[in-house]
Amino acid sequence: MAIPSPNDPKWKNVISGDNKPNIQFLGLKLLLGRLNMKYKKSPTDATVSECTSELIDFFKKNDHLPKVVGDIETIFG
């Protein structure tokens, strides 16, 4: 599955914690936990944009790992 556009509203849902998908890859679980806390401290569009960029970078660097691919499908599928 391709990484969705930064404009996809599902990014905000997962960053804000509104969508709590069952993540398999531990590194992504940790990253999402940190990004959820960052968003709760500053729930702005700028924070969502920063967090989305960080998640996209993470997915691009790890898109060769089956669990990461599965997690992308869980979040955006």
PDB file of N, CA and C in Angstrom:
ATOM      1  N   MET A   1       0.844  -1.185   0.000  1.00  0.00           N
ATOM      2  CA  MET A   1       0.000   0.000   0.000  1.00  0.00           C
ATOM      3  C   MET A   1       0.882   1.239   0.000  1.00  0.00           C
ATOM      4  N   ALA A   2       0.497   2.203  -0.789  1.00  0.00           N
ATOM      5  CA  ALA A   2       1.234   3.462  -0.861  1.00  0.00           C
ATOM      6  C   ALA A   2       0.941   4.304   0.382  1.00  0.00           C
ATOM      7  N   ILE A   3       1.888   5.135   0.725  1.00  0.00           N
ATOM      8  CA  ILE A   3       1.711   6.041   1.864  1.00  0.00           C
ATOM      9  C   ILE A   3       0.762   7.158   1.425  1.00  0.00           C
ATOM     10  N   PRO A   4      -0.314   7.371   2.162  1.00  0.00           N
ATOM     11  CA  PRO A   4      -1.293   8.387   1.776  1.00  0.00           C
ATOM     12  C   PRO A   4      -0.726   9.807   1.785  1.00  0.00           C
ATOM     13  N   SER A   5      -1.412  10.666   1.095  1.00  0.00           N
ATOM     14  CA  SER A   5      -1.066  12.085   1.019  1.00  0.00           C
ATOM     15  C   SER A   5      -1.120  12.714   2.411  1.00  0.00           C
ATOM     16  N   PRO A   6      -0.279  13.713   2.657  1.00  0.00           N
ATOM     17  CA  PRO A   6      -0.326  14.415   3.952  1.00  0.00           C
ATOM     18  C   PRO A   6      -1.679  15.074   4.223  1.00  0.00           C
ATOM     19  N   ASN A   7      -2.493  15.248   3.187  1.00  0.00           N
ATOM     20  CA  ASN A   7      -3.806  15.881   3.350  1.00  0.00           C
ATOM     21  C   ASN A   7      -4.896  14.904   3.783  1.00  0.00           C
ATOM     22  N   ASP A   8      -4.578  13.618   3.842  1.00  0.00           N
ATOM     23  CA  ASP A   8      -5.564  12.611   4.238  1.00  0.00           C
ATOM     24  C   ASP A   8      -5.986  12.864   5.688  1.00  0.00           C
ATOM     25  N   PRO A   9      -7.291  12.979   5.961  1.00  0.00           N
ATOM     26  CA  PRO A   9      -7.746  13.273   7.336  1.00  0.00           C
ATOM     27  C   PRO A   9      -7.440  12.160   8.340  1.00  0.00           C
ATOM     28  N   LYS A  10      -7.115  10.977   7.867  1.00  0.00           N
ATOM     29  CA  LYS A  10      -6.800   9.885   8.788  1.00  0.00           C
ATOM     30  C   LYS A  10      -5.504  10.145   9.546  1.00  0.00           C
ATOM     31  N   TRP A  11      -4.622  10.977   8.997  1.00  0.00           N
ATOM     32  CA  TRP A  11      -3.398  11.332   9.722  1.00  0.00           C
ATOM     33  C   TRP A  11      -3.758  12.001  11.041  1.00  0.00           C
ATOM     34  N   LYS A  12      -4.657  13.000  10.965  1.00  0.00           N
ATOM     35  CA  LYS A  12      -5.035  13.721  12.184  1.00  0.00           C
ATOM     36  C   LYS A  12      -5.718  12.787  13.178  1.00  0.00           C
ATOM     37  N   ASN A  13      -6.541  11.879  12.682  1.00  0.00           N
ATOM     38  CA  ASN A  13      -7.240  10.944  13.572  1.00  0.00           C
ATOM     39  C   ASN A  13      -6.273  10.088  14.368  1.00  0.00           C
ATOM     40  N   VAL A  14      -5.218   9.625  13.732  1.00  0.00           N
ATOM     41  CA  VAL A  14      -4.264   8.762  14.441  1.00  0.00           C
ATOM     42  C   VAL A  14      -3.335   9.587  15.334  1.00  0.00           C
ATOM     43  N   ILE A  15      -2.979  10.788  14.906  1.00  0.00           N
ATOM     44  CA  ILE A  15      -2.101  11.659  15.702  1.00  0.00           C
ATOM     45  C   ILE A  15      -2.818  12.161  16.956  1.00  0.00           C
ATOM     46  N   SER A  16      -4.087  12.491  16.799  1.00  0.00           N
ATOM     47  CA  SER A  16      -4.853  13.016  17.937  1.00  0.00           C
ATOM     48  C   SER A  16      -5.261  11.922  18.920  1.00  0.00           C
ATOM     49  N   GLY A  17      -5.206  10.682  18.467  1.00  0.00           N
ATOM     50  CA  GLY A  17      -5.630   9.577  19.318  1.00  0.00           C
ATOM     51  C   GLY A  17      -7.086   9.211  19.131  1.00  0.00           C
ATOM     52  N   ASP A  18      -7.778   9.901  18.213  1.00  0.00           N
ATOM     53  CA  ASP A  18      -9.175   9.565  17.927  1.00  0.00           C
ATOM     54  C   ASP A  18      -9.280   8.164  17.316  1.00  0.00           C
ATOM     55  N   ASN A  19      -8.281   7.795  16.530  1.00  0.00           N
ATOM     56  CA  ASN A  19      -8.197   6.456  15.950  1.00  0.00           C
ATOM     57  C   ASN A  19      -7.042   5.748  16.654  1.00  0.00           C
ATOM     58  N   LYS A  20      -7.351   4.674  17.342  1.00  0.00           N
ATOM     59  CA  LYS A  20      -6.322   3.918  18.057  1.00  0.00           C
ATOM     60  C   LYS A  20      -6.193   2.533  17.414  1.00  0.00           C
ATOM     61  N   PRO A  21      -5.463   2.478  16.303  1.00  0.00           N
ATOM     62  CA  PRO A  21      -5.343   1.204  15.594  1.00  0.00           C
ATOM     63  C   PRO A  21      -4.487   0.208  16.368  1.00  0.00           C
ATOM     64  N   ASN A  22      -4.672  -1.048  16.076  1.00  0.00           N
ATOM     65  CA  ASN A  22      -3.883  -2.114  16.683  1.00  0.00           C
ATOM     66  C   ASN A  22      -2.556  -2.216  15.927  1.00  0.00           C
ATOM     67  N   ILE A  23      -1.545  -1.515  16.411  1.00  0.00           N
ATOM     68  CA  ILE A  23      -0.235  -1.439  15.758  1.00  0.00           C
ATOM     69  C   ILE A  23       0.611  -2.643  16.159  1.00  0.00           C
ATOM     70  N   GLN A  24       1.284  -3.238  15.175  1.00  0.00           N
ATOM     71  CA  GLN A  24       2.120  -4.405  15.407  1.00  0.00           C
ATOM     72  C   GLN A  24       3.599  -4.065  15.614  1.00  0.00           C
ATOM     73  N   PHE A  25       4.083  -3.011  14.941  1.00  0.00           N
ATOM     74  CA  PHE A  25       5.503  -2.674  14.982  1.00  0.00           C
ATOM     75  C   PHE A  25       5.790  -1.795  16.199  1.00  0.00           C
ATOM     76  N   LEU A  26       6.620  -2.276  17.105  1.00  0.00           N
ATOM     77  CA  LEU A  26       6.891  -1.583  18.368  1.00  0.00           C
ATOM     78  C   LEU A  26       7.393  -0.156  18.157  1.00  0.00           C
ATOM     79  N   GLY A  27       8.288   0.035  17.213  1.00  0.00           N
ATOM     80  CA  GLY A  27       8.810   1.379  16.957  1.00  0.00           C
ATOM     81  C   GLY A  27       7.711   2.361  16.595  1.00  0.00           C
ATOM     82  N   LEU A  28       6.728   1.905  15.840  1.00  0.00           N
ATOM     83  CA  LEU A  28       5.611   2.769  15.472  1.00  0.00           C
ATOM     84  C   LEU A  28       4.712   3.029  16.680  1.00  0.00           C
ATOM     85  N   LYS A  29       4.528   2.034  17.531  1.00  0.00           N
ATOM     86  CA  LYS A  29       3.740   2.241  18.752  1.00  0.00           C
ATOM     87  C   LYS A  29       4.359   3.340  19.600  1.00  0.00           C
ATOM     88  N   LEU A  30       5.665   3.283  19.757  1.00  0.00           N
ATOM     89  CA  LEU A  30       6.369   4.287  20.562  1.00  0.00           C
ATOM     90  C   LEU A  30       6.268   5.674  19.925  1.00  0.00           C
ATOM     91  N   LEU A  31       6.469   5.723  18.616  1.00  0.00           N
ATOM     92  CA  LEU A  31       6.392   7.002  17.909  1.00  0.00           C
ATOM     93  C   LEU A  31       4.997   7.601  18.033  1.00  0.00           C
ATOM     94  N   LEU A  32       3.962   6.796  17.831  1.00  0.00           N
ATOM     95  CA  LEU A  32       2.597   7.305  17.942  1.00  0.00           C
ATOM     96  C   LEU A  32       2.288   7.776  19.358  1.00  0.00           C
ATOM     97  N   GLY A  33       2.799   7.089  20.350  1.00  0.00           N
ATOM     98  CA  GLY A  33       2.603   7.533  21.725  1.00  0.00           C
ATOM     99  C   GLY A  33       3.189   8.909  21.963  1.00  0.00           C
ATOM    100  N   ARG A  34       4.395   9.119  21.446  1.00  0.00           N
ATOM    101  CA  ARG A  34       5.051  10.419  21.599  1.00  0.00           C
ATOM    102  C   ARG A  34       4.298  11.506  20.826  1.00  0.00           C
ATOM    103  N   LEU A  35       3.858  11.172  19.605  1.00  0.00           N
ATOM    104  CA  LEU A  35       3.143  12.156  18.799  1.00  0.00           C
ATOM    105  C   LEU A  35       1.772  12.482  19.400  1.00  0.00           C
ATOM    106  N   ASN A  36       1.110  11.493  19.996  1.00  0.00           N
ATOM    107  CA  ASN A  36      -0.162  11.749  20.686  1.00  0.00           C
ATOM    108  C   ASN A  36       0.037  12.748  21.819  1.00  0.00           C
ATOM    109  N   MET A  37       1.104  12.568  22.596  1.00  0.00           N
ATOM    110  CA  MET A  37       1.380  13.497  23.697  1.00  0.00           C
ATOM    111  C   MET A  37       1.703  14.896  23.170  1.00  0.00           C
ATOM    112  N   LYS A  38       2.471  14.947  22.092  1.00  0.00           N
ATOM    113  CA  LYS A  38       2.817  16.239  21.491  1.00  0.00           C
ATOM    114  C   LYS A  38       1.552  16.968  21.041  1.00  0.00           C
ATOM    115  N   TYR A  39       0.643  16.233  20.422  1.00  0.00           N
ATOM    116  CA  TYR A  39      -0.603  16.839  19.960  1.00  0.00           C
ATOM    117  C   TYR A  39      -1.468  17.305  21.132  1.00  0.00           C
ATOM    118  N   LYS A  40      -1.523  16.525  22.195  1.00  0.00           N
ATOM    119  CA  LYS A  40      -2.344  16.905  23.351  1.00  0.00           C
ATOM    120  C   LYS A  40      -1.826  18.185  24.011  1.00  0.00           C
ATOM    121  N   LYS A  41      -0.515  18.403  23.947  1.00  0.00           N
ATOM    122  CA  LYS A  41       0.062  19.625  24.508  1.00  0.00           C
ATOM    123  C   LYS A  41      -0.231  20.835  23.638  1.00  0.00           C
ATOM    124  N   SER A  42      -0.339  20.603  22.322  1.00  0.00           N
ATOM    125  CA  SER A  42      -0.560  21.702  21.381  1.00  0.00           C
ATOM    126  C   SER A  42      -1.411  21.211  20.214  1.00  0.00           C
ATOM    127  N   PRO A  43      -2.737  21.177  20.407  1.00  0.00           N
ATOM    128  CA  PRO A  43      -3.624  20.636  19.368  1.00  0.00           C
ATOM    129  C   PRO A  43      -3.915  21.639  18.245  1.00  0.00           C
ATOM    130  N   THR A  44      -2.896  21.914  17.449  1.00  0.00           N
ATOM    131  CA  THR A  44      -3.039  22.870  16.354  1.00  0.00           C
ATOM    132  C   THR A  44      -2.799  22.175  15.016  1.00  0.00           C
ATOM    133  N   ASP A  45      -3.182  22.862  13.949  1.00  0.00           N
ATOM    134  CA  ASP A  45      -2.930  22.331  12.606  1.00  0.00           C
ATOM    135  C   ASP A  45      -1.427  22.225  12.336  1.00  0.00           C
ATOM    136  N   ALA A  46      -0.656  23.149  12.895  1.00  0.00           N
ATOM    137  CA  ALA A  46       0.799  23.110  12.712  1.00  0.00           C
ATOM    138  C   ALA A  46       1.386  21.852  13.350  1.00  0.00           C
ATOM    139  N   THR A  47       0.890  21.484  14.518  1.00  0.00           N
ATOM    140  CA  THR A  47       1.355  20.272  15.185  1.00  0.00           C
ATOM    141  C   THR A  47       0.989  19.047  14.365  1.00  0.00           C
ATOM    142  N   VAL A  48      -0.226  19.013  13.841  1.00  0.00           N
ATOM    143  CA  VAL A  48      -0.651  17.890  13.002  1.00  0.00           C
ATOM    144  C   VAL A  48       0.266  17.784  11.789  1.00  0.00           C
ATOM    145  N   SER A  49       0.587  18.900  11.187  1.00  0.00           N
ATOM    146  CA  SER A  49       1.459  18.910  10.009  1.00  0.00           C
ATOM    147  C   SER A  49       2.854  18.379  10.347  1.00  0.00           C
ATOM    148  N   GLU A  50       3.412  18.833  11.471  1.00  0.00           N
ATOM    149  CA  GLU A  50       4.739  18.354  11.899  1.00  0.00           C
ATOM    150  C   GLU A  50       4.712  16.851  12.176  1.00  0.00           C
ATOM    151  N   CYS A  51       3.694  16.413  12.878  1.00  0.00           N
ATOM    152  CA  CYS A  51       3.590  14.997  13.231  1.00  0.00           C
ATOM    153  C   CYS A  51       3.360  14.130  11.993  1.00  0.00           C
ATOM    154  N   THR A  52       2.550  14.631  11.073  1.00  0.00           N
ATOM    155  CA  THR A  52       2.308  13.902   9.825  1.00  0.00           C
ATOM    156  C   THR A  52       3.607  13.737   9.057  1.00  0.00           C
ATOM    157  N   SER A  53       4.397  14.788   8.974  1.00  0.00           N
ATOM    158  CA  SER A  53       5.685  14.712   8.281  1.00  0.00           C
ATOM    159  C   SER A  53       6.597  13.673   8.932  1.00  0.00           C
ATOM    160  N   GLU A  54       6.592  13.648  10.249  1.00  0.00           N
ATOM    161  CA  GLU A  54       7.422  12.687  10.970  1.00  0.00           C
ATOM    162  C   GLU A  54       6.957  11.253  10.709  1.00  0.00           C
ATOM    163  N   LEU A  55       5.655  11.045  10.695  1.00  0.00           N
ATOM    164  CA  LEU A  55       5.132   9.707  10.415  1.00  0.00           C
ATOM    165  C   LEU A  55       5.419   9.275   8.982  1.00  0.00           C
ATOM    166  N   ILE A  56       5.262  10.190   8.041  1.00  0.00           N
ATOM    167  CA  ILE A  56       5.546   9.863   6.644  1.00  0.00           C
ATOM    168  C   ILE A  56       7.012   9.481   6.494  1.00  0.00           C
ATOM    169  N   ASP A  57       7.922  10.227   7.123  1.00  0.00           N
ATOM    170  CA  ASP A  57       9.351   9.893   7.077  1.00  0.00           C
ATOM    171  C   ASP A  57       9.597   8.509   7.664  1.00  0.00           C
ATOM    172  N   PHE A  58       8.939   8.211   8.786  1.00  0.00           N
ATOM    173  CA  PHE A  58       9.082   6.899   9.416  1.00  0.00           C
ATOM    174  C   PHE A  58       8.631   5.799   8.468  1.00  0.00           C
ATOM    175  N   PHE A  59       7.462   5.990   7.853  1.00  0.00           N
ATOM    176  CA  PHE A  59       6.948   4.972   6.943  1.00  0.00           C
ATOM    177  C   PHE A  59       7.842   4.792   5.723  1.00  0.00           C
ATOM    178  N   LYS A  60       8.377   5.883   5.188  1.00  0.00           N
ATOM    179  CA  LYS A  60       9.270   5.786   4.025  1.00  0.00           C
ATOM    180  C   LYS A  60      10.548   5.027   4.368  1.00  0.00           C
ATOM    181  N   LYS A  61      11.089   5.264   5.557  1.00  0.00           N
ATOM    182  CA  LYS A  61      12.331   4.599   5.967  1.00  0.00           C
ATOM    183  C   LYS A  61      12.120   3.127   6.287  1.00  0.00           C
ATOM    184  N   ASN A  62      10.896   2.752   6.622  1.00  0.00           N
ATOM    185  CA  ASN A  62      10.631   1.389   7.088  1.00  0.00           C
ATOM    186  C   ASN A  62       9.626   0.631   6.218  1.00  0.00           C
ATOM    187  N   ASP A  63       9.382   1.120   5.007  1.00  0.00           N
ATOM    188  CA  ASP A  63       8.357   0.501   4.164  1.00  0.00           C
ATOM    189  C   ASP A  63       8.743  -0.879   3.633  1.00  0.00           C
ATOM    190  N   HIS A  64       9.947  -1.309   3.931  1.00  0.00           N
ATOM    191  CA  HIS A  64      10.392  -2.646   3.521  1.00  0.00           C
ATOM    192  C   HIS A  64      10.064  -3.709   4.578  1.00  0.00           C
ATOM    193  N   LEU A  65       9.567  -3.275   5.729  1.00  0.00           N
ATOM    194  CA  LEU A  65       9.252  -4.191   6.824  1.00  0.00           C
ATOM    195  C   LEU A  65       7.783  -4.607   6.768  1.00  0.00           C
ATOM    196  N   PRO A  66       7.525  -5.915   6.753  1.00  0.00           N
ATOM    197  CA  PRO A  66       6.134  -6.385   6.638  1.00  0.00           C
ATOM    198  C   PRO A  66       5.193  -5.847   7.718  1.00  0.00           C
ATOM    199  N   LYS A  67       5.649  -5.736   8.957  1.00  0.00           N
ATOM    200  CA  LYS A  67       4.773  -5.224  10.019  1.00  0.00           C
ATOM    201  C   LYS A  67       4.413  -3.759   9.791  1.00  0.00           C
ATOM    202  N   VAL A  68       5.348  -3.000   9.270  1.00  0.00           N
ATOM    203  CA  VAL A  68       5.073  -1.588   8.997  1.00  0.00           C
ATOM    204  C   VAL A  68       4.053  -1.474   7.865  1.00  0.00           C
ATOM    205  N   VAL A  69       4.215  -2.275   6.830  1.00  0.00           N
ATOM    206  CA  VAL A  69       3.252  -2.281   5.727  1.00  0.00           C
ATOM    207  C   VAL A  69       1.870  -2.662   6.260  1.00  0.00           C
ATOM    208  N   GLY A  70       1.809  -3.660   7.125  1.00  0.00           N
ATOM    209  CA  GLY A  70       0.549  -4.059   7.725  1.00  0.00           C
ATOM    210  C   GLY A  70      -0.062  -2.956   8.569  1.00  0.00           C
ATOM    211  N   ASP A  71       0.782  -2.223   9.285  1.00  0.00           N
ATOM    212  CA  ASP A  71       0.284  -1.116  10.111  1.00  0.00           C
ATOM    213  C   ASP A  71      -0.265   0.012   9.253  1.00  0.00           C
ATOM    214  N   ILE A  72       0.378   0.295   8.127  1.00  0.00           N
ATOM    215  CA  ILE A  72      -0.139   1.309   7.207  1.00  0.00           C
ATOM    216  C   ILE A  72      -1.535   0.903   6.731  1.00  0.00           C
ATOM    217  N   GLU A  73      -1.688  -0.374   6.383  1.00  0.00           N
ATOM    218  CA  GLU A  73      -2.993  -0.863   5.941  1.00  0.00           C
ATOM    219  C   GLU A  73      -4.021  -0.811   7.066  1.00  0.00           C
ATOM    220  N   THR A  74      -3.595  -1.078   8.292  1.00  0.00           N
ATOM    221  CA  THR A  74      -4.503  -1.007   9.441  1.00  0.00           C
ATOM    222  C   THR A  74      -5.001   0.424   9.639  1.00  0.00           C
ATOM    223  N   ILE A  75      -4.110   1.388   9.510  1.00  0.00           N
ATOM    224  CA  ILE A  75      -4.469   2.793   9.732  1.00  0.00           C
ATOM    225  C   ILE A  75      -5.292   3.352   8.577  1.00  0.00           C
ATOM    226  N   PHE A  76      -4.865   3.072   7.352  1.00  0.00           N
ATOM    227  CA  PHE A  76      -5.453   3.736   6.196  1.00  0.00           C
ATOM    228  C   PHE A  76      -6.327   2.841   5.325  1.00  0.00           C
ATOM    229  N   GLY A  77      -6.357   1.541   5.633  1.00  0.00           N
ATOM    230  CA  GLY A  77      -7.077   0.598   4.783  1.00  0.00           C
ATOM    231  C   GLY A  77      -8.553   0.719   4.790  1.00  0.00           C
TER     232      GLY A  77
END
